[in-house]
């Protein structure tokens, strides 16, 4: 299990991003494990991102968006960021 980002864990921005990733993933019928695999991200890290416990880097966010056939702009719009 990854350690949460201590300074930013559960920040409203990260919670909104994680919730948007989860909504998009579920809307596309993709499991968390499959999204993690497509994004080349560990599944437990993906879980923590979706819960708002991690502050993912830009490369990870782009990988996640692309794995769901979204642009980063579309993902951020879904998160209302």
PDB file of N, CA and C in Angstrom:
ATOM      1  N   UNK A   1       0.847  -1.173   0.000  1.00  0.00           N
ATOM      2  CA  UNK A   1       0.000   0.000   0.000  1.00  0.00           C
ATOM      3  C   UNK A   1       0.890   1.234   0.000  1.00  0.00           C
ATOM      4  N   UNK A   2       0.671   2.152  -0.944  1.00  0.00           N
ATOM      5  CA  UNK A   2       1.510   3.340  -0.976  1.00  0.00           C
ATOM      6  C   UNK A   2       1.218   4.257   0.200  1.00  0.00           C
ATOM      7  N   UNK A   3       2.215   4.986   0.589  1.00  0.00           N
ATOM      8  CA  UNK A   3       2.068   5.969   1.653  1.00  0.00           C
ATOM      9  C   UNK A   3       1.453   7.219   1.041  1.00  0.00           C
ATOM     10  N   UNK A   4       0.449   7.791   1.705  1.00  0.00           N
ATOM     11  CA  UNK A   4      -0.199   8.998   1.209  1.00  0.00           C
ATOM     12  C   UNK A   4       0.793  10.151   1.156  1.00  0.00           C
ATOM     13  N   UNK A   5       0.505  11.093   0.262  1.00  0.00           N
ATOM     14  CA  UNK A   5       1.306  12.313   0.190  1.00  0.00           C
ATOM     15  C   UNK A   5       0.971  13.136   1.424  1.00  0.00           C
ATOM     16  N   UNK A   6       1.859  13.193   2.412  1.00  0.00           N
ATOM     17  CA  UNK A   6       1.505  13.789   3.698  1.00  0.00           C
ATOM     18  C   UNK A   6       1.071  15.249   3.635  1.00  0.00           C
ATOM     19  N   UNK A   7       1.690  16.049   2.807  1.00  0.00           N
ATOM     20  CA  UNK A   7       1.334  17.471   2.762  1.00  0.00           C
ATOM     21  C   UNK A   7       0.042  17.731   2.013  1.00  0.00           C
ATOM     22  N   UNK A   8      -0.308  16.847   1.099  1.00  0.00           N
ATOM     23  CA  UNK A   8      -1.451  17.132   0.235  1.00  0.00           C
ATOM     24  C   UNK A   8      -2.566  16.098   0.296  1.00  0.00           C
ATOM     25  N   UNK A   9      -2.381  15.031   1.040  1.00  0.00           N
ATOM     26  CA  UNK A   9      -3.403  13.988   1.107  1.00  0.00           C
ATOM     27  C   UNK A   9      -4.746  14.581   1.489  1.00  0.00           C
ATOM     28  N   UNK A  10      -5.748  14.182   0.755  1.00  0.00           N
ATOM     29  CA  UNK A  10      -7.130  14.600   0.981  1.00  0.00           C
ATOM     30  C   UNK A  10      -7.384  16.083   0.735  1.00  0.00           C
ATOM     31  N   UNK A  11      -6.475  16.741   0.042  1.00  0.00           N
ATOM     32  CA  UNK A  11      -6.721  18.115  -0.392  1.00  0.00           C
ATOM     33  C   UNK A  11      -7.942  18.080  -1.323  1.00  0.00           C
ATOM     34  N   UNK A  12      -8.836  19.048  -1.240  1.00  0.00           N
ATOM     35  CA  UNK A  12     -10.032  19.030  -2.087  1.00  0.00           C
ATOM     36  C   UNK A  12      -9.736  18.891  -3.581  1.00  0.00           C
ATOM     37  N   UNK A  13      -8.632  19.423  -4.043  1.00  0.00           N
ATOM     38  CA  UNK A  13      -8.270  19.300  -5.459  1.00  0.00           C
ATOM     39  C   UNK A  13      -7.976  17.843  -5.794  1.00  0.00           C
ATOM     40  N   UNK A  14      -7.222  17.163  -4.932  1.00  0.00           N
ATOM     41  CA  UNK A  14      -6.886  15.765  -5.178  1.00  0.00           C
ATOM     42  C   UNK A  14      -8.106  14.865  -5.041  1.00  0.00           C
ATOM     43  N   UNK A  15      -8.986  15.188  -4.117  1.00  0.00           N
ATOM     44  CA  UNK A  15     -10.223  14.417  -3.955  1.00  0.00           C
ATOM     45  C   UNK A  15     -11.089  14.570  -5.204  1.00  0.00           C
ATOM     46  N   UNK A  16     -11.185  15.802  -5.734  1.00  0.00           N
ATOM     47  CA  UNK A  16     -11.976  16.048  -6.946  1.00  0.00           C
ATOM     48  C   UNK A  16     -11.377  15.321  -8.148  1.00  0.00           C
ATOM     49  N   UNK A  17     -10.060  15.353  -8.283  1.00  0.00           N
ATOM     50  CA  UNK A  17      -9.403  14.656  -9.383  1.00  0.00           C
ATOM     51  C   UNK A  17      -9.632  13.150  -9.274  1.00  0.00           C
ATOM     52  N   UNK A  18      -9.444  12.599  -8.089  1.00  0.00           N
ATOM     53  CA  UNK A  18      -9.647  11.174  -7.888  1.00  0.00           C
ATOM     54  C   UNK A  18     -11.078  10.747  -8.172  1.00  0.00           C
ATOM     55  N   UNK A  19     -12.030  11.555  -7.737  1.00  0.00           N
ATOM     56  CA  UNK A  19     -13.436  11.236  -7.990  1.00  0.00           C
ATOM     57  C   UNK A  19     -13.737  11.280  -9.486  1.00  0.00           C
ATOM     58  N   UNK A  20     -13.142  12.230 -10.191  1.00  0.00           N
ATOM     59  CA  UNK A  20     -13.341  12.324 -11.641  1.00  0.00           C
ATOM     60  C   UNK A  20     -12.751  11.114 -12.347  1.00  0.00           C
ATOM     61  N   UNK A  21     -11.584  10.687 -11.925  1.00  0.00           N
ATOM     62  CA  UNK A  21     -10.970   9.492 -12.513  1.00  0.00           C
ATOM     63  C   UNK A  21     -11.872   8.290 -12.289  1.00  0.00           C
ATOM     64  N   UNK A  22     -12.377   8.150 -11.082  1.00  0.00           N
ATOM     65  CA  UNK A  22     -13.259   7.021 -10.771  1.00  0.00           C
ATOM     66  C   UNK A  22     -14.534   7.068 -11.620  1.00  0.00           C
ATOM     67  N   UNK A  23     -15.165   8.247 -11.705  1.00  0.00           N
ATOM     68  CA  UNK A  23     -16.392   8.374 -12.511  1.00  0.00           C
ATOM     69  C   UNK A  23     -16.148   8.007 -13.964  1.00  0.00           C
ATOM     70  N   UNK A  24     -15.076   8.527 -14.529  1.00  0.00           N
ATOM     71  CA  UNK A  24     -14.754   8.239 -15.937  1.00  0.00           C
ATOM     72  C   UNK A  24     -14.454   6.763 -16.133  1.00  0.00           C
ATOM     73  N   UNK A  25     -13.717   6.195 -15.210  1.00  0.00           N
ATOM     74  CA  UNK A  25     -13.368   4.781 -15.293  1.00  0.00           C
ATOM     75  C   UNK A  25     -14.618   3.916 -15.265  1.00  0.00           C
ATOM     76  N   UNK A  26     -15.506   4.196 -14.329  1.00  0.00           N
ATOM     77  CA  UNK A  26     -16.732   3.416 -14.212  1.00  0.00           C
ATOM     78  C   UNK A  26     -17.646   3.617 -15.416  1.00  0.00           C
ATOM     79  N   UNK A  27     -17.711   4.843 -15.926  1.00  0.00           N
ATOM     80  CA  UNK A  27     -18.532   5.122 -17.106  1.00  0.00           C
ATOM     81  C   UNK A  27     -18.045   4.340 -18.317  1.00  0.00           C
ATOM     82  N   UNK A  28     -16.769   4.061 -18.362  1.00  0.00           N
ATOM     83  CA  UNK A  28     -16.187   3.310 -19.472  1.00  0.00           C
ATOM     84  C   UNK A  28     -16.165   1.804 -19.208  1.00  0.00           C
ATOM     85  N   UNK A  29     -16.625   1.412 -18.021  1.00  0.00           N
ATOM     86  CA  UNK A  29     -16.687  -0.006 -17.692  1.00  0.00           C
ATOM     87  C   UNK A  29     -15.324  -0.655 -17.516  1.00  0.00           C
ATOM     88  N   UNK A  30     -14.375   0.110 -16.998  1.00  0.00           N
ATOM     89  CA  UNK A  30     -13.010  -0.379 -16.826  1.00  0.00           C
ATOM     90  C   UNK A  30     -12.754  -0.594 -15.332  1.00  0.00           C
ATOM     91  N   UNK A  31     -12.163  -1.724 -14.991  1.00  0.00           N
ATOM     92  CA  UNK A  31     -11.819  -1.966 -13.592  1.00  0.00           C
ATOM     93  C   UNK A  31     -10.628  -1.093 -13.200  1.00  0.00           C
ATOM     94  N   UNK A  32     -10.489  -0.911 -11.910  1.00  0.00           N
ATOM     95  CA  UNK A  32      -9.345  -0.146 -11.414  1.00  0.00           C
ATOM     96  C   UNK A  32      -8.042  -0.843 -11.785  1.00  0.00           C
ATOM     97  N   UNK A  33      -8.035  -2.145 -11.701  1.00  0.00           N
ATOM     98  CA  UNK A  33      -6.841  -2.911 -12.044  1.00  0.00           C
ATOM     99  C   UNK A  33      -6.490  -2.723 -13.526  1.00  0.00           C
ATOM    100  N   UNK A  34      -7.495  -2.764 -14.394  1.00  0.00           N
ATOM    101  CA  UNK A  34      -7.254  -2.592 -15.827  1.00  0.00           C
ATOM    102  C   UNK A  34      -6.762  -1.175 -16.132  1.00  0.00           C
ATOM    103  N   UNK A  35      -7.355  -0.178 -15.499  1.00  0.00           N
ATOM    104  CA  UNK A  35      -6.898   1.202 -15.721  1.00  0.00           C
ATOM    105  C   UNK A  35      -5.458   1.362 -15.260  1.00  0.00           C
ATOM    106  N   UNK A  36      -5.129   0.785 -14.125  1.00  0.00           N
ATOM    107  CA  UNK A  36      -3.751   0.852 -13.627  1.00  0.00           C
ATOM    108  C   UNK A  36      -2.803   0.199 -14.625  1.00  0.00           C
ATOM    109  N   UNK A  37      -3.193  -0.952 -15.136  1.00  0.00           N
ATOM    110  CA  UNK A  37      -2.358  -1.661 -16.116  1.00  0.00           C
ATOM    111  C   UNK A  37      -2.164  -0.814 -17.374  1.00  0.00           C
ATOM    112  N   UNK A  38      -3.259  -0.269 -17.901  1.00  0.00           N
ATOM    113  CA  UNK A  38      -3.179   0.558 -19.115  1.00  0.00           C
ATOM    114  C   UNK A  38      -2.344   1.823 -18.895  1.00  0.00           C
ATOM    115  N   UNK A  39      -2.364   2.321 -17.660  1.00  0.00           N
ATOM    116  CA  UNK A  39      -1.650   3.561 -17.330  1.00  0.00           C
ATOM    117  C   UNK A  39      -0.207   3.326 -16.899  1.00  0.00           C
ATOM    118  N   UNK A  40       0.179   2.056 -16.751  1.00  0.00           N
ATOM    119  CA  UNK A  40       1.495   1.658 -16.247  1.00  0.00           C
ATOM    120  C   UNK A  40       1.711   2.267 -14.846  1.00  0.00           C
ATOM    121  N   UNK A  41       0.693   2.066 -14.011  1.00  0.00           N
ATOM    122  CA  UNK A  41       0.712   2.551 -12.628  1.00  0.00           C
ATOM    123  C   UNK A  41       0.313   1.381 -11.734  1.00  0.00           C
ATOM    124  N   UNK A  42       0.947   1.250 -10.593  1.00  0.00           N
ATOM    125  CA  UNK A  42       0.602   0.199  -9.651  1.00  0.00           C
ATOM    126  C   UNK A  42      -0.866   0.345  -9.222  1.00  0.00           C
ATOM    127  N   UNK A  43      -1.573  -0.788  -9.101  1.00  0.00           N
ATOM    128  CA  UNK A  43      -2.987  -0.734  -8.757  1.00  0.00           C
ATOM    129  C   UNK A  43      -3.249  -0.086  -7.407  1.00  0.00           C
ATOM    130  N   UNK A  44      -2.413  -0.347  -6.420  1.00  0.00           N
ATOM    131  CA  UNK A  44      -2.628   0.267  -5.104  1.00  0.00           C
ATOM    132  C   UNK A  44      -2.397   1.775  -5.160  1.00  0.00           C
ATOM    133  N   UNK A  45      -1.469   2.219  -6.016  1.00  0.00           N
ATOM    134  CA  UNK A  45      -1.249   3.660  -6.199  1.00  0.00           C
ATOM    135  C   UNK A  45      -2.469   4.278  -6.879  1.00  0.00           C
ATOM    136  N   UNK A  46      -3.032   3.572  -7.867  1.00  0.00           N
ATOM    137  CA  UNK A  46      -4.233   4.063  -8.542  1.00  0.00           C
ATOM    138  C   UNK A  46      -5.379   4.209  -7.549  1.00  0.00           C
ATOM    139  N   UNK A  47      -5.518   3.234  -6.678  1.00  0.00           N
ATOM    140  CA  UNK A  47      -6.559   3.283  -5.657  1.00  0.00           C
ATOM    141  C   UNK A  47      -6.384   4.512  -4.772  1.00  0.00           C
ATOM    142  N   UNK A  48      -5.161   4.765  -4.383  1.00  0.00           N
ATOM    143  CA  UNK A  48      -4.876   5.920  -3.534  1.00  0.00           C
ATOM    144  C   UNK A  48      -5.127   7.233  -4.272  1.00  0.00           C
ATOM    145  N   UNK A  49      -4.827   7.277  -5.569  1.00  0.00           N
ATOM    146  CA  UNK A  49      -5.118   8.471  -6.372  1.00  0.00           C
ATOM    147  C   UNK A  49      -6.620   8.713  -6.380  1.00  0.00           C
ATOM    148  N   UNK A  50      -7.394   7.662  -6.620  1.00  0.00           N
ATOM    149  CA  UNK A  50      -8.851   7.804  -6.676  1.00  0.00           C
ATOM    150  C   UNK A  50      -9.440   8.255  -5.346  1.00  0.00           C
ATOM    151  N   UNK A  51      -8.798   7.930  -4.254  1.00  0.00           N
ATOM    152  CA  UNK A  51      -9.278   8.360  -2.931  1.00  0.00           C
ATOM    153  C   UNK A  51      -8.774   9.744  -2.544  1.00  0.00           C
ATOM    154  N   UNK A  52      -7.902  10.333  -3.344  1.00  0.00           N
ATOM    155  CA  UNK A  52      -7.372  11.652  -3.022  1.00  0.00           C
ATOM    156  C   UNK A  52      -6.202  11.623  -2.074  1.00  0.00           C
ATOM    157  N   UNK A  53      -5.598  10.461  -1.900  1.00  0.00           N
ATOM    158  CA  UNK A  53      -4.482  10.327  -0.973  1.00  0.00           C
ATOM    159  C   UNK A  53      -3.119  10.566  -1.593  1.00  0.00           C
ATOM    160  N   UNK A  54      -3.083  10.676  -2.917  1.00  0.00           N
ATOM    161  CA  UNK A  54      -1.815  10.888  -3.615  1.00  0.00           C
ATOM    162  C   UNK A  54      -1.885  12.159  -4.449  1.00  0.00           C
ATOM    163  N   UNK A  55      -0.736  12.760  -4.636  1.00  0.00           N
ATOM    164  CA  UNK A  55      -0.590  13.931  -5.492  1.00  0.00           C
ATOM    165  C   UNK A  55       0.163  13.463  -6.740  1.00  0.00           C
ATOM    166  N   UNK A  56      -0.570  12.900  -7.725  1.00  0.00           N
ATOM    167  CA  UNK A  56       0.106  12.323  -8.888  1.00  0.00           C
ATOM    168  C   UNK A  56       0.775  13.390  -9.737  1.00  0.00           C
ATOM    169  N   UNK A  57       1.882  13.010 -10.342  1.00  0.00           N
ATOM    170  CA  UNK A  57       2.590  13.920 -11.232  1.00  0.00           C
ATOM    171  C   UNK A  57       1.866  14.060 -12.563  1.00  0.00           C
ATOM    172  N   UNK A  58       2.279  15.040 -13.320  1.00  0.00           N
ATOM    173  CA  UNK A  58       1.653  15.333 -14.606  1.00  0.00           C
ATOM    174  C   UNK A  58       1.729  14.146 -15.555  1.00  0.00           C
ATOM    175  N   UNK A  59       2.835  13.421 -15.557  1.00  0.00           N
ATOM    176  CA  UNK A  59       2.978  12.266 -16.445  1.00  0.00           C
ATOM    177  C   UNK A  59       1.947  11.199 -16.070  1.00  0.00           C
ATOM    178  N   UNK A  60       1.753  10.959 -14.791  1.00  0.00           N
ATOM    179  CA  UNK A  60       0.763   9.966 -14.355  1.00  0.00           C
ATOM    180  C   UNK A  60      -0.645  10.391 -14.753  1.00  0.00           C
ATOM    181  N   UNK A  61      -0.961  11.662 -14.594  1.00  0.00           N
ATOM    182  CA  UNK A  61      -2.297  12.143 -14.954  1.00  0.00           C
ATOM    183  C   UNK A  61      -2.528  11.992 -16.452  1.00  0.00           C
ATOM    184  N   UNK A  62      -1.540  12.321 -17.254  1.00  0.00           N
ATOM    185  CA  UNK A  62      -1.665  12.167 -18.707  1.00  0.00           C
ATOM    186  C   UNK A  62      -1.836  10.692 -19.062  1.00  0.00           C
ATOM    187  N   UNK A  63      -1.080   9.812 -18.445  1.00  0.00           N
ATOM    188  CA  UNK A  63      -1.210   8.371 -18.716  1.00  0.00           C
ATOM    189  C   UNK A  63      -2.612   7.870 -18.379  1.00  0.00           C
ATOM    190  N   UNK A  64      -3.127   8.315 -17.242  1.00  0.00           N
ATOM    191  CA  UNK A  64      -4.466   7.901 -16.820  1.00  0.00           C
ATOM    192  C   UNK A  64      -5.508   8.396 -17.822  1.00  0.00           C
ATOM    193  N   UNK A  65      -5.416   9.663 -18.190  1.00  0.00           N
ATOM    194  CA  UNK A  65      -6.375  10.226 -19.152  1.00  0.00           C
ATOM    195  C   UNK A  65      -6.311   9.474 -20.476  1.00  0.00           C
ATOM    196  N   UNK A  66      -5.125   9.276 -20.995  1.00  0.00           N
ATOM    197  CA  UNK A  66      -4.965   8.576 -22.278  1.00  0.00           C
ATOM    198  C   UNK A  66      -5.474   7.144 -22.212  1.00  0.00           C
ATOM    199  N   UNK A  67      -5.284   6.493 -21.077  1.00  0.00           N
ATOM    200  CA  UNK A  67      -5.751   5.114 -20.918  1.00  0.00           C
ATOM    201  C   UNK A  67      -7.273   5.021 -20.995  1.00  0.00           C
ATOM    202  N   UNK A  68      -7.941   6.152 -20.745  1.00  0.00           N
ATOM    203  CA  UNK A  68      -9.401   6.192 -20.840  1.00  0.00           C
ATOM    204  C   UNK A  68      -9.863   6.916 -22.106  1.00  0.00           C
ATOM    205  N   UNK A  69      -8.933   7.132 -23.040  1.00  0.00           N
ATOM    206  CA  UNK A  69      -9.229   7.840 -24.292  1.00  0.00           C
ATOM    207  C   UNK A  69      -9.792   9.236 -24.036  1.00  0.00           C
ATOM    208  N   UNK A  70      -9.212   9.916 -23.053  1.00  0.00           N
ATOM    209  CA  UNK A  70      -9.572  11.291 -22.729  1.00  0.00           C
ATOM    210  C   UNK A  70      -8.347  12.170 -22.883  1.00  0.00           C
ATOM    211  N   UNK A  71      -8.581  13.444 -23.091  1.00  0.00           N
ATOM    212  CA  UNK A  71      -7.473  14.388 -23.000  1.00  0.00           C
ATOM    213  C   UNK A  71      -7.356  14.802 -21.541  1.00  0.00           C
ATOM    214  N   UNK A  72      -6.236  15.355 -21.210  1.00  0.00           N
ATOM    215  CA  UNK A  72      -6.066  15.851 -19.854  1.00  0.00           C
ATOM    216  C   UNK A  72      -7.077  16.969 -19.583  1.00  0.00           C
ATOM    217  N   UNK A  73      -7.361  17.767 -20.595  1.00  0.00           N
ATOM    218  CA  UNK A  73      -8.336  18.850 -20.475  1.00  0.00           C
ATOM    219  C   UNK A  73      -9.715  18.288 -20.132  1.00  0.00           C
ATOM    220  N   UNK A  74     -10.097  17.202 -20.804  1.00  0.00           N
ATOM    221  CA  UNK A  74     -11.394  16.586 -20.519  1.00  0.00           C
ATOM    222  C   UNK A  74     -11.452  16.031 -19.099  1.00  0.00           C
ATOM    223  N   UNK A  75     -10.369  15.417 -18.668  1.00  0.00           N
ATOM    224  CA  UNK A  75     -10.317  14.884 -17.320  1.00  0.00           C
ATOM    225  C   UNK A  75     -10.406  16.001 -16.278  1.00  0.00           C
ATOM    226  N   UNK A  76      -9.676  17.077 -16.505  1.00  0.00           N
ATOM    227  CA  UNK A  76      -9.721  18.209 -15.562  1.00  0.00           C
ATOM    228  C   UNK A  76     -11.094  18.874 -15.563  1.00  0.00           C
ATOM    229  N   UNK A  77     -11.745  18.935 -16.720  1.00  0.00           N
ATOM    230  CA  UNK A  77     -13.087  19.493 -16.789  1.00  0.00           C
ATOM    231  C   UNK A  77     -14.063  18.624 -15.989  1.00  0.00           C
ATOM    232  N   UNK A  78     -13.911  17.305 -16.093  1.00  0.00           N
ATOM    233  CA  UNK A  78     -14.753  16.386 -15.319  1.00  0.00           C
ATOM    234  C   UNK A  78     -14.553  16.620 -13.837  1.00  0.00           C
ATOM    235  N   UNK A  79     -13.326  16.946 -13.437  1.00  0.00           N
ATOM    236  CA  UNK A  79     -13.020  17.213 -12.025  1.00  0.00           C
ATOM    237  C   UNK A  79     -13.389  18.638 -11.617  1.00  0.00           C
ATOM    238  N   UNK A  80     -13.814  19.432 -12.602  1.00  0.00           N
ATOM    239  CA  UNK A  80     -14.129  20.858 -12.383  1.00  0.00           C
ATOM    240  C   UNK A  80     -12.925  21.612 -11.820  1.00  0.00           C
ATOM    241  N   UNK A  81     -11.766  21.319 -12.414  1.00  0.00           N
ATOM    242  CA  UNK A  81     -10.515  21.992 -12.013  1.00  0.00           C
ATOM    243  C   UNK A  81     -10.028  22.885 -13.137  1.00  0.00           C
TER     244      UNK A  81
END
